[in-house]
PDB file of N, CA and C in Angstrom:
ATOM      1  N   MET A   1     -41.258 -10.870 -18.922  1.00  0.00           N
ATOM      2  CA  MET A   1     -40.291 -10.905 -17.870  1.00  0.00           C
ATOM      3  C   MET A   1     -40.257  -9.547 -17.183  1.00  0.00           C
ATOM      4  N   SER A   2     -40.578  -9.519 -15.911  1.00  0.00           N
ATOM      5  CA  SER A   2     -40.516  -8.266 -15.169  1.00  0.00           C
ATOM      6  C   SER A   2     -39.356  -8.346 -14.192  1.00  0.00           C
ATOM      7  N   GLY A   3     -38.698  -7.238 -14.019  1.00  0.00           N
ATOM      8  CA  GLY A   3     -37.559  -7.188 -13.117  1.00  0.00           C
ATOM      9  C   GLY A   3     -37.148  -5.753 -12.892  1.00  0.00           C
ATOM     10  N   THR A   4     -36.208  -5.593 -12.044  1.00  0.00           N
ATOM     11  CA  THR A   4     -35.723  -4.247 -11.731  1.00  0.00           C
ATOM     12  C   THR A   4     -34.487  -3.936 -12.557  1.00  0.00           C
ATOM     13  N   ARG A   5     -34.093  -2.680 -12.524  1.00  0.00           N
ATOM     14  CA  ARG A   5     -32.849  -2.291 -13.186  1.00  0.00           C
ATOM     15  C   ARG A   5     -31.673  -3.037 -12.581  1.00  0.00           C
ATOM     16  N   ARG A   6     -31.728  -3.219 -11.276  1.00  0.00           N
ATOM     17  CA  ARG A   6     -30.641  -3.924 -10.599  1.00  0.00           C
ATOM     18  C   ARG A   6     -30.509  -5.350 -11.122  1.00  0.00           C
ATOM     19  N   ASP A   7     -31.635  -6.012 -11.296  1.00  0.00           N
ATOM     20  CA  ASP A   7     -31.603  -7.375 -11.848  1.00  0.00           C
ATOM     21  C   ASP A   7     -31.022  -7.370 -13.258  1.00  0.00           C
ATOM     22  N   PHE A   8     -31.453  -6.417 -14.061  1.00  0.00           N
ATOM     23  CA  PHE A   8     -30.955  -6.325 -15.428  1.00  0.00           C
ATOM     24  C   PHE A   8     -29.440  -6.104 -15.445  1.00  0.00           C
ATOM     25  N   LEU A   9     -28.980  -5.158 -14.622  1.00  0.00           N
ATOM     26  CA  LEU A   9     -27.548  -4.872 -14.580  1.00  0.00           C
ATOM     27  C   LEU A   9     -26.754  -6.056 -14.038  1.00  0.00           C
ATOM     28  N   ARG A  10     -27.330  -6.782 -13.102  1.00  0.00           N
ATOM     29  CA  ARG A  10     -26.661  -7.971 -12.582  1.00  0.00           C
ATOM     30  C   ARG A  10     -26.482  -9.009 -13.688  1.00  0.00           C
ATOM     31  N   ARG A  11     -27.500  -9.163 -14.522  1.00  0.00           N
ATOM     32  CA  ARG A  11     -27.405 -10.125 -15.637  1.00  0.00           C
ATOM     33  C   ARG A  11     -26.386  -9.657 -16.680  1.00  0.00           C
ATOM     34  N   VAL A  12     -26.356  -8.364 -16.939  1.00  0.00           N
ATOM     35  CA  VAL A  12     -25.352  -7.824 -17.860  1.00  0.00           C
ATOM     36  C   VAL A  12     -23.953  -8.082 -17.308  1.00  0.00           C
ATOM     37  N   ALA A  13     -23.792  -7.886 -16.007  1.00  0.00           N
ATOM     38  CA  ALA A  13     -22.488  -8.114 -15.379  1.00  0.00           C
ATOM     39  C   ALA A  13     -22.087  -9.584 -15.468  1.00  0.00           C
ATOM     40  N   GLN A  14     -23.028 -10.473 -15.279  1.00  0.00           N
ATOM     41  CA  GLN A  14     -22.718 -11.904 -15.362  1.00  0.00           C
ATOM     42  C   GLN A  14     -22.310 -12.285 -16.779  1.00  0.00           C
ATOM     43  N   ALA A  15     -22.960 -11.680 -17.756  1.00  0.00           N
ATOM     44  CA  ALA A  15     -22.673 -12.032 -19.146  1.00  0.00           C
ATOM     45  C   ALA A  15     -21.436 -11.322 -19.690  1.00  0.00           C
ATOM     46  N   GLY A  16     -21.256 -10.036 -19.351  1.00  0.00           N
ATOM     47  CA  GLY A  16     -20.203  -9.270 -20.004  1.00  0.00           C
ATOM     48  C   GLY A  16     -19.152  -8.675 -19.107  1.00  0.00           C
ATOM     49  N   GLY A  17     -19.310  -8.762 -17.803  1.00  0.00           N
ATOM     50  CA  GLY A  17     -18.308  -8.238 -16.892  1.00  0.00           C
ATOM     51  C   GLY A  17     -18.479  -6.758 -16.592  1.00  0.00           C
ATOM     52  N   TYR A  18     -17.432  -6.223 -15.981  1.00  0.00           N
ATOM     53  CA  TYR A  18     -17.463  -4.839 -15.507  1.00  0.00           C
ATOM     54  C   TYR A  18     -17.678  -3.844 -16.643  1.00  0.00           C
ATOM     55  N   ARG A  19     -16.919  -3.971 -17.712  1.00  0.00           N
ATOM     56  CA  ARG A  19     -17.000  -2.992 -18.804  1.00  0.00           C
ATOM     57  C   ARG A  19     -18.390  -2.951 -19.419  1.00  0.00           C
ATOM     58  N   ALA A  20     -18.965  -4.119 -19.640  1.00  0.00           N
ATOM     59  CA  ALA A  20     -20.308  -4.155 -20.218  1.00  0.00           C
ATOM     60  C   ALA A  20     -21.315  -3.495 -19.274  1.00  0.00           C
ATOM     61  N   THR A  21     -21.166  -3.740 -17.986  1.00  0.00           N
ATOM     62  CA  THR A  21     -22.077  -3.134 -17.009  1.00  0.00           C
ATOM     63  C   THR A  21     -21.905  -1.623 -16.979  1.00  0.00           C
ATOM     64  N   TYR A  22     -20.668  -1.173 -16.982  1.00  0.00           N
ATOM     65  CA  TYR A  22     -20.387   0.255 -16.956  1.00  0.00           C
ATOM     66  C   TYR A  22     -20.976   0.949 -18.181  1.00  0.00           C
ATOM     67  N   LEU A  23     -20.744   0.379 -19.350  1.00  0.00           N
ATOM     68  CA  LEU A  23     -21.270   0.985 -20.580  1.00  0.00           C
ATOM     69  C   LEU A  23     -22.791   0.956 -20.611  1.00  0.00           C
ATOM     70  N   THR A  24     -23.374  -0.101 -20.083  1.00  0.00           N
ATOM     71  CA  THR A  24     -24.845  -0.180 -20.018  1.00  0.00           C
ATOM     72  C   THR A  24     -25.385   0.892 -19.080  1.00  0.00           C
ATOM     73  N   MET A  25     -24.759   1.045 -17.928  1.00  0.00           N
ATOM     74  CA  MET A  25     -25.206   2.080 -16.992  1.00  0.00           C
ATOM     75  C   MET A  25     -25.038   3.471 -17.594  1.00  0.00           C
ATOM     76  N   GLN A  26     -23.955   3.665 -18.342  1.00  0.00           N
ATOM     77  CA  GLN A  26     -23.736   4.944 -19.002  1.00  0.00           C
ATOM     78  C   GLN A  26     -24.824   5.207 -20.041  1.00  0.00           C
ATOM     79  N   ALA A  27     -25.153   4.179 -20.820  1.00  0.00           N
ATOM     80  CA  ALA A  27     -26.186   4.327 -21.849  1.00  0.00           C
ATOM     81  C   ALA A  27     -27.565   4.581 -21.236  1.00  0.00           C
ATOM     82  N   MET A  28     -27.797   4.035 -20.060  1.00  0.00           N
ATOM     83  CA  MET A  28     -29.088   4.224 -19.382  1.00  0.00           C
ATOM     84  C   MET A  28     -29.161   5.557 -18.638  1.00  0.00           C
ATOM     85  N   GLY A  29     -28.037   6.294 -18.626  1.00  0.00           N
ATOM     86  CA  GLY A  29     -28.027   7.588 -17.948  1.00  0.00           C
ATOM     87  C   GLY A  29     -27.928   7.467 -16.435  1.00  0.00           C
ATOM     88  N   LEU A  30     -27.386   6.377 -15.947  1.00  0.00           N
ATOM     89  CA  LEU A  30     -27.283   6.165 -14.501  1.00  0.00           C
ATOM     90  C   LEU A  30     -25.986   6.682 -13.905  1.00  0.00           C
ATOM     91  N   LEU A  31     -25.053   7.085 -14.740  1.00  0.00           N
ATOM     92  CA  LEU A  31     -23.769   7.589 -14.256  1.00  0.00           C
ATOM     93  C   LEU A  31     -23.680   9.081 -14.498  1.00  0.00           C
ATOM     94  N   GLY A  32     -23.002   9.758 -13.591  1.00  0.00           N
ATOM     95  CA  GLY A  32     -22.805  11.191 -13.736  1.00  0.00           C
ATOM     96  C   GLY A  32     -21.793  11.495 -14.817  1.00  0.00           C
ATOM     97  N   THR A  33     -21.579  12.756 -15.030  1.00  0.00           N
ATOM     98  CA  THR A  33     -20.596  13.166 -16.030  1.00  0.00           C
ATOM     99  C   THR A  33     -19.199  12.878 -15.516  1.00  0.00           C
ATOM    100  N   ALA A  34     -18.274  12.816 -16.420  1.00  0.00           N
ATOM    101  CA  ALA A  34     -16.886  12.539 -16.059  1.00  0.00           C
ATOM    102  C   ALA A  34     -16.315  13.714 -15.277  1.00  0.00           C
ATOM    103  N   ALA A  35     -15.444  13.425 -14.339  1.00  0.00           N
ATOM    104  CA  ALA A  35     -14.794  14.463 -13.544  1.00  0.00           C
ATOM    105  C   ALA A  35     -13.803  15.221 -14.418  1.00  0.00           C
ATOM    106  N   VAL A  36     -13.678  16.489 -14.162  1.00  0.00           N
ATOM    107  CA  VAL A  36     -12.762  17.335 -14.911  1.00  0.00           C
ATOM    108  C   VAL A  36     -11.566  17.622 -14.019  1.00  0.00           C
ATOM    109  N   ALA A  37     -10.390  17.319 -14.496  1.00  0.00           N
ATOM    110  CA  ALA A  37      -9.163  17.562 -13.736  1.00  0.00           C
ATOM    111  C   ALA A  37      -8.586  18.907 -14.128  1.00  0.00           C
ATOM    112  N   GLU A  38      -9.071  19.936 -13.486  1.00  0.00           N
ATOM    113  CA  GLU A  38      -8.556  21.277 -13.737  1.00  0.00           C
ATOM    114  C   GLU A  38      -8.485  22.006 -12.404  1.00  0.00           C
ATOM    115  N   PRO A  39      -7.666  23.009 -12.305  1.00  0.00           N
ATOM    116  CA  PRO A  39      -7.547  23.725 -11.033  1.00  0.00           C
ATOM    117  C   PRO A  39      -8.882  24.345 -10.610  1.00  0.00           C
ATOM    118  N   LEU A  40      -9.111  24.299  -9.326  1.00  0.00           N
ATOM    119  CA  LEU A  40     -10.321  24.876  -8.771  1.00  0.00           C
ATOM    120  C   LEU A  40     -10.169  26.388  -8.700  1.00  0.00           C
ATOM    121  N   ALA A  41     -11.122  27.108  -9.223  1.00  0.00           N
ATOM    122  CA  ALA A  41     -11.075  28.567  -9.181  1.00  0.00           C
ATOM    123  C   ALA A  41     -11.704  29.021  -7.869  1.00  0.00           C
ATOM    124  N   LEU A  42     -10.865  29.445  -6.926  1.00  0.00           N
ATOM    125  CA  LEU A  42     -11.348  29.886  -5.624  1.00  0.00           C
ATOM    126  C   LEU A  42     -11.600  31.380  -5.626  1.00  0.00           C
ATOM    127  N   GLU A  43     -12.704  31.757  -5.048  1.00  0.00           N
ATOM    128  CA  GLU A  43     -12.988  33.172  -4.850  1.00  0.00           C
ATOM    129  C   GLU A  43     -12.098  33.652  -3.709  1.00  0.00           C
ATOM    130  N   PRO A  44     -11.457  34.790  -3.833  1.00  0.00           N
ATOM    131  CA  PRO A  44     -10.580  35.252  -2.761  1.00  0.00           C
ATOM    132  C   PRO A  44     -11.306  35.319  -1.419  1.00  0.00           C
ATOM    133  N   GLY A  45     -10.738  34.692  -0.405  1.00  0.00           N
ATOM    134  CA  GLY A  45     -11.382  34.613   0.904  1.00  0.00           C
ATOM    135  C   GLY A  45     -11.244  35.872   1.720  1.00  0.00           C
ATOM    136  N   ALA A  46     -10.223  36.697   1.449  1.00  0.00           N
ATOM    137  CA  ALA A  46      -9.996  37.907   2.234  1.00  0.00           C
ATOM    138  C   ALA A  46     -11.117  38.924   2.031  1.00  0.00           C
ATOM    139  N   LEU A  47     -11.828  38.803   0.930  1.00  0.00           N
ATOM    140  CA  LEU A  47     -12.887  39.772   0.649  1.00  0.00           C
ATOM    141  C   LEU A  47     -14.048  39.657   1.624  1.00  0.00           C
ATOM    142  N   HIS A  48     -14.318  38.454   2.114  1.00  0.00           N
ATOM    143  CA  HIS A  48     -15.455  38.290   3.006  1.00  0.00           C
ATOM    144  C   HIS A  48     -15.073  37.623   4.322  1.00  0.00           C
ATOM    145  N   GLY A  49     -13.778  37.516   4.640  1.00  0.00           N
ATOM    146  CA  GLY A  49     -13.315  37.031   5.938  1.00  0.00           C
ATOM    147  C   GLY A  49     -13.688  35.606   6.266  1.00  0.00           C
ATOM    148  N   THR A  50     -13.652  34.731   5.289  1.00  0.00           N
ATOM    149  CA  THR A  50     -14.019  33.344   5.512  1.00  0.00           C
ATOM    150  C   THR A  50     -12.943  32.605   6.272  1.00  0.00           C
ATOM    151  N   LYS A  51     -13.362  31.862   7.301  1.00  0.00           N
ATOM    152  CA  LYS A  51     -12.452  31.033   8.079  1.00  0.00           C
ATOM    153  C   LYS A  51     -12.733  29.577   7.754  1.00  0.00           C
ATOM    154  N   VAL A  52     -11.658  28.791   7.615  1.00  0.00           N
ATOM    155  CA  VAL A  52     -11.782  27.379   7.234  1.00  0.00           C
ATOM    156  C   VAL A  52     -11.013  26.531   8.237  1.00  0.00           C
ATOM    157  N   VAL A  53     -11.620  25.413   8.638  1.00  0.00           N
ATOM    158  CA  VAL A  53     -10.939  24.441   9.482  1.00  0.00           C
ATOM    159  C   VAL A  53     -10.698  23.199   8.638  1.00  0.00           C
ATOM    160  N   VAL A  54      -9.449  22.756   8.558  1.00  0.00           N
ATOM    161  CA  VAL A  54      -9.084  21.551   7.817  1.00  0.00           C
ATOM    162  C   VAL A  54      -8.814  20.460   8.841  1.00  0.00           C
ATOM    163  N   LEU A  55      -9.528  19.347   8.727  1.00  0.00           N
ATOM    164  CA  LEU A  55      -9.356  18.243   9.661  1.00  0.00           C
ATOM    165  C   LEU A  55      -8.336  17.262   9.113  1.00  0.00           C
ATOM    166  N   GLY A  56      -7.240  17.106   9.829  1.00  0.00           N
ATOM    167  CA  GLY A  56      -6.205  16.159   9.434  1.00  0.00           C
ATOM    168  C   GLY A  56      -5.023  16.856   8.791  1.00  0.00           C
ATOM    169  N   ALA A  57      -3.827  16.561   9.312  1.00  0.00           N
ATOM    170  CA  ALA A  57      -2.607  17.170   8.795  1.00  0.00           C
ATOM    171  C   ALA A  57      -1.814  16.175   7.969  1.00  0.00           C
ATOM    172  N   GLY A  58      -2.526  15.390   7.171  1.00  0.00           N
ATOM    173  CA  GLY A  58      -1.863  14.514   6.214  1.00  0.00           C
ATOM    174  C   GLY A  58      -1.575  15.286   4.948  1.00  0.00           C
ATOM    175  N   MET A  59      -1.166  14.576   3.915  1.00  0.00           N
ATOM    176  CA  MET A  59      -0.828  15.248   2.657  1.00  0.00           C
ATOM    177  C   MET A  59      -2.018  16.030   2.091  1.00  0.00           C
ATOM    178  N   ALA A  60      -3.196  15.434   2.114  1.00  0.00           N
ATOM    179  CA  ALA A  60      -4.370  16.108   1.553  1.00  0.00           C
ATOM    180  C   ALA A  60      -4.760  17.328   2.376  1.00  0.00           C
ATOM    181  N   GLY A  61      -4.750  17.199   3.699  1.00  0.00           N
ATOM    182  CA  GLY A  61      -5.117  18.317   4.556  1.00  0.00           C
ATOM    183  C   GLY A  61      -4.155  19.479   4.440  1.00  0.00           C
ATOM    184  N   LEU A  62      -2.859  19.170   4.429  1.00  0.00           N
ATOM    185  CA  LEU A  62      -1.865  20.241   4.305  1.00  0.00           C
ATOM    186  C   LEU A  62      -1.923  20.904   2.936  1.00  0.00           C
ATOM    187  N   SER A  63      -2.162  20.108   1.897  1.00  0.00           N
ATOM    188  CA  SER A  63      -2.286  20.685   0.545  1.00  0.00           C
ATOM    189  C   SER A  63      -3.503  21.593   0.461  1.00  0.00           C
ATOM    190  N   ALA A  64      -4.616  21.149   1.029  1.00  0.00           N
ATOM    191  CA  ALA A  64      -5.836  21.962   1.008  1.00  0.00           C
ATOM    192  C   ALA A  64      -5.623  23.263   1.769  1.00  0.00           C
ATOM    193  N   ALA A  65      -5.007  23.175   2.953  1.00  0.00           N
ATOM    194  CA  ALA A  65      -4.767  24.380   3.750  1.00  0.00           C
ATOM    195  C   ALA A  65      -3.820  25.335   3.026  1.00  0.00           C
ATOM    196  N   TYR A  66      -2.806  24.793   2.386  1.00  0.00           N
ATOM    197  CA  TYR A  66      -1.848  25.625   1.651  1.00  0.00           C
ATOM    198  C   TYR A  66      -2.550  26.396   0.531  1.00  0.00           C
ATOM    199  N   GLU A  67      -3.344  25.685  -0.265  1.00  0.00           N
ATOM    200  CA  GLU A  67      -4.039  26.337  -1.378  1.00  0.00           C
ATOM    201  C   GLU A  67      -5.051  27.362  -0.884  1.00  0.00           C
ATOM    202  N   LEU A  68      -5.762  27.039   0.187  1.00  0.00           N
ATOM    203  CA  LEU A  68      -6.737  27.979   0.729  1.00  0.00           C
ATOM    204  C   LEU A  68      -6.058  29.221   1.294  1.00  0.00           C
ATOM    205  N   CYS A  69      -4.931  29.029   1.980  1.00  0.00           N
ATOM    206  CA  CYS A  69      -4.185  30.181   2.523  1.00  0.00           C
ATOM    207  C   CYS A  69      -3.656  31.062   1.396  1.00  0.00           C
ATOM    208  N   LYS A  70      -3.194  30.440   0.316  1.00  0.00           N
ATOM    209  CA  LYS A  70      -2.726  31.227  -0.835  1.00  0.00           C
ATOM    210  C   LYS A  70      -3.847  32.072  -1.411  1.00  0.00           C
ATOM    211  N   SER A  71      -5.084  31.595  -1.304  1.00  0.00           N
ATOM    212  CA  SER A  71      -6.227  32.324  -1.856  1.00  0.00           C
ATOM    213  C   SER A  71      -6.803  33.329  -0.868  1.00  0.00           C
ATOM    214  N   GLY A  72      -6.198  33.457   0.296  1.00  0.00           N
ATOM    215  CA  GLY A  72      -6.632  34.480   1.231  1.00  0.00           C
ATOM    216  C   GLY A  72      -7.567  34.006   2.326  1.00  0.00           C
ATOM    217  N   TYR A  73      -7.830  32.729   2.433  1.00  0.00           N
ATOM    218  CA  TYR A  73      -8.697  32.221   3.487  1.00  0.00           C
ATOM    219  C   TYR A  73      -7.908  32.102   4.790  1.00  0.00           C
ATOM    220  N   ASP A  74      -8.588  32.271   5.905  1.00  0.00           N
ATOM    221  CA  ASP A  74      -7.985  32.107   7.223  1.00  0.00           C
ATOM    222  C   ASP A  74      -8.150  30.639   7.610  1.00  0.00           C
ATOM    223  N   CYS A  75      -7.047  29.872   7.599  1.00  0.00           N
ATOM    224  CA  CYS A  75      -7.104  28.418   7.789  1.00  0.00           C
ATOM    225  C   CYS A  75      -6.555  28.002   9.140  1.00  0.00           C
ATOM    226  N   ALA A  76      -7.168  26.960   9.675  1.00  0.00           N
ATOM    227  CA  ALA A  76      -6.647  26.273  10.862  1.00  0.00           C
ATOM    228  C   ALA A  76      -6.630  24.791  10.539  1.00  0.00           C
ATOM    229  N   VAL A  77      -5.502  24.143  10.813  1.00  0.00           N
ATOM    230  CA  VAL A  77      -5.369  22.706  10.571  1.00  0.00           C
ATOM    231  C   VAL A  77      -5.423  22.004  11.920  1.00  0.00           C
ATOM    232  N   LEU A  78      -6.329  21.051  12.054  1.00  0.00           N
ATOM    233  CA  LEU A  78      -6.453  20.280  13.287  1.00  0.00           C
ATOM    234  C   LEU A  78      -5.964  18.863  13.047  1.00  0.00           C
ATOM    235  N   GLU A  79      -5.141  18.381  13.947  1.00  0.00           N
ATOM    236  CA  GLU A  79      -4.603  17.022  13.841  1.00  0.00           C
ATOM    237  C   GLU A  79      -4.701  16.366  15.209  1.00  0.00           C
ATOM    238  N   ALA A  80      -5.084  15.109  15.241  1.00  0.00           N
ATOM    239  CA  ALA A  80      -5.238  14.386  16.496  1.00  0.00           C
ATOM    240  C   ALA A  80      -3.895  14.095  17.153  1.00  0.00           C
ATOM    241  N   ARG A  81      -2.861  13.895  16.356  1.00  0.00           N
ATOM    242  CA  ARG A  81      -1.530  13.590  16.896  1.00  0.00           C
ATOM    243  C   ARG A  81      -0.719  14.872  17.030  1.00  0.00           C
ATOM    244  N   ASP A  82       0.469  14.748  17.615  1.00  0.00           N
ATOM    245  CA  ASP A  82       1.325  15.918  17.784  1.00  0.00           C
ATOM    246  C   ASP A  82       2.279  16.108  16.610  1.00  0.00           C
ATOM    247  N   ARG A  83       2.074  15.385  15.537  1.00  0.00           N
ATOM    248  CA  ARG A  83       2.929  15.532  14.353  1.00  0.00           C
ATOM    249  C   ARG A  83       2.082  15.364  13.098  1.00  0.00           C
ATOM    250  N   VAL A  84       2.675  15.726  11.967  1.00  0.00           N
ATOM    251  CA  VAL A  84       1.934  15.675  10.715  1.00  0.00           C
ATOM    252  C   VAL A  84       2.454  14.551   9.836  1.00  0.00           C
ATOM    253  N   GLY A  85       1.728  14.254   8.801  1.00  0.00           N
ATOM    254  CA  GLY A  85       2.140  13.213   7.861  1.00  0.00           C
ATOM    255  C   GLY A  85       1.479  11.894   8.189  1.00  0.00           C
ATOM    256  N   ARG A  86       1.813  10.901   7.410  1.00  0.00           N
ATOM    257  CA  ARG A  86       1.188   9.599   7.624  1.00  0.00           C
ATOM    258  C   ARG A  86       1.767   8.916   8.860  1.00  0.00           C
ATOM    259  N   PRO A  87       0.996   8.060   9.505  1.00  0.00           N
ATOM    260  CA  PRO A  87       1.509   7.385  10.698  1.00  0.00           C
ATOM    261  C   PRO A  87       2.589   6.373  10.338  1.00  0.00           C
ATOM    262  N   GLN A  88       3.583   6.286  11.172  1.00  0.00           N
ATOM    263  CA  GLN A  88       4.649   5.305  10.990  1.00  0.00           C
ATOM    264  C   GLN A  88       4.599   4.388  12.195  1.00  0.00           C
ATOM    265  N   LEU A  89       3.980   3.244  12.013  1.00  0.00           N
ATOM    266  CA  LEU A  89       3.693   2.365  13.129  1.00  0.00           C
ATOM    267  C   LEU A  89       4.880   1.516  13.552  1.00  0.00           C
ATOM    268  N   ASP A  90       5.783   1.196  12.644  1.00  0.00           N
ATOM    269  CA  ASP A  90       6.816   0.233  12.959  1.00  0.00           C
ATOM    270  C   ASP A  90       8.214   0.843  13.008  1.00  0.00           C
ATOM    271  N   ARG A  91       8.325   2.093  13.313  1.00  0.00           N
ATOM    272  CA  ARG A  91       9.630   2.761  13.344  1.00  0.00           C
ATOM    273  C   ARG A  91      10.180   2.775  14.767  1.00  0.00           C
ATOM    274  N   SER A  92      11.491   2.725  14.876  1.00  0.00           N
ATOM    275  CA  SER A  92      12.131   2.791  16.183  1.00  0.00           C
ATOM    276  C   SER A  92      12.077   4.218  16.716  1.00  0.00           C
ATOM    277  N   ALA A  93      12.317   4.376  18.009  1.00  0.00           N
ATOM    278  CA  ALA A  93      12.270   5.703  18.629  1.00  0.00           C
ATOM    279  C   ALA A  93      13.371   6.604  18.071  1.00  0.00           C
ATOM    280  N   SER A  94      14.565   6.041  17.803  1.00  0.00           N
ATOM    281  CA  SER A  94      15.645   6.872  17.278  1.00  0.00           C
ATOM    282  C   SER A  94      15.343   7.349  15.866  1.00  0.00           C
ATOM    283  N   HIS A  95      14.773   6.460  15.053  1.00  0.00           N
ATOM    284  CA  HIS A  95      14.377   6.860  13.698  1.00  0.00           C
ATOM    285  C   HIS A  95      13.292   7.918  13.777  1.00  0.00           C
ATOM    286  N   GLN A  96      12.352   7.737  14.691  1.00  0.00           N
ATOM    287  CA  GLN A  96      11.252   8.696  14.851  1.00  0.00           C
ATOM    288  C   GLN A  96      11.800  10.061  15.261  1.00  0.00           C
ATOM    289  N   ALA A  97      12.784  10.085  16.167  1.00  0.00           N
ATOM    290  CA  ALA A  97      13.345  11.353  16.626  1.00  0.00           C
ATOM    291  C   ALA A  97      14.066  12.084  15.499  1.00  0.00           C
ATOM    292  N   ARG A  98      14.741  11.342  14.615  1.00  0.00           N
ATOM    293  CA  ARG A  98      15.444  11.974  13.499  1.00  0.00           C
ATOM    294  C   ARG A  98      14.493  12.517  12.449  1.00  0.00           C
ATOM    295  N   HIS A  99      13.349  11.882  12.272  1.00  0.00           N
ATOM    296  CA  HIS A  99      12.430  12.246  11.192  1.00  0.00           C
ATOM    297  C   HIS A  99      11.124  12.840  11.696  1.00  0.00           C
ATOM    298  N   ASP A 100      11.134  13.354  12.909  1.00  0.00           N
ATOM    299  CA  ASP A 100       9.917  13.924  13.477  1.00  0.00           C
ATOM    300  C   ASP A 100       9.586  15.224  12.761  1.00  0.00           C
ATOM    301  N   ARG A 101       8.355  15.339  12.309  1.00  0.00           N
ATOM    302  CA  ARG A 101       7.906  16.544  11.620  1.00  0.00           C
ATOM    303  C   ARG A 101       6.770  17.144  12.421  1.00  0.00           C
ATOM    304  N   ARG A 102       6.904  18.387  12.778  1.00  0.00           N
ATOM    305  CA  ARG A 102       5.871  19.042  13.569  1.00  0.00           C
ATOM    306  C   ARG A 102       5.341  20.255  12.818  1.00  0.00           C
ATOM    307  N   LEU A 103       4.090  20.569  13.084  1.00  0.00           N
ATOM    308  CA  LEU A 103       3.425  21.672  12.399  1.00  0.00           C
ATOM    309  C   LEU A 103       3.535  22.940  13.238  1.00  0.00           C
ATOM    310  N   THR A 104       4.034  24.008  12.644  1.00  0.00           N
ATOM    311  CA  THR A 104       4.103  25.292  13.328  1.00  0.00           C
ATOM    312  C   THR A 104       2.838  26.071  13.003  1.00  0.00           C
ATOM    313  N   PRO A 105       2.531  27.112  13.783  1.00  0.00           N
ATOM    314  CA  PRO A 105       1.288  27.863  13.553  1.00  0.00           C
ATOM    315  C   PRO A 105       1.135  28.449  12.155  1.00  0.00           C
ATOM    316  N   ASP A 106       2.234  28.718  11.457  1.00  0.00           N
ATOM    317  CA  ASP A 106       2.118  29.310  10.128  1.00  0.00           C
ATOM    318  C   ASP A 106       2.170  28.241   9.021  1.00  0.00           C
ATOM    319  N   LEU A 107       1.797  27.003   9.352  1.00  0.00           N
ATOM    320  CA  LEU A 107       1.696  25.882   8.396  1.00  0.00           C
ATOM    321  C   LEU A 107       3.037  25.492   7.792  1.00  0.00           C
ATOM    322  N   ARG A 108       4.125  25.685   8.518  1.00  0.00           N
ATOM    323  CA  ARG A 108       5.430  25.257   8.046  1.00  0.00           C
ATOM    324  C   ARG A 108       5.908  24.101   8.895  1.00  0.00           C
ATOM    325  N   LEU A 109       6.591  23.185   8.261  1.00  0.00           N
ATOM    326  CA  LEU A 109       7.165  22.073   8.992  1.00  0.00           C
ATOM    327  C   LEU A 109       8.520  22.470   9.538  1.00  0.00           C
ATOM    328  N   ARG A 110       8.808  22.061  10.765  1.00  0.00           N
ATOM    329  CA  ARG A 110      10.154  22.323  11.285  1.00  0.00           C
ATOM    330  C   ARG A 110      10.866  21.010  11.489  1.00  0.00           C
TER     331      ARG A 110
END
């Protein structure tokens, strides 16, 4: 019987499901190492004047810019809209006016 790895893994999946396929791929060395959840050690950016542009002023973009600024990098956050945070598509204008969050040049919300 000749076949590809893909065929073999497909048959494993049909017989044993996701877990069996995952363990088989792990045993075959097809999966990378597990991710490590530890703080990223950043080299201080002020030493070499590194400038960083963060695209998007959502939670991830603002968090990244905050951490980079703390480490001495010169950050700029670019956002397509005039406000930050997740989009609120179904909110009334009065609710929007009360909860409007805007980004100031020093990465603070007003």
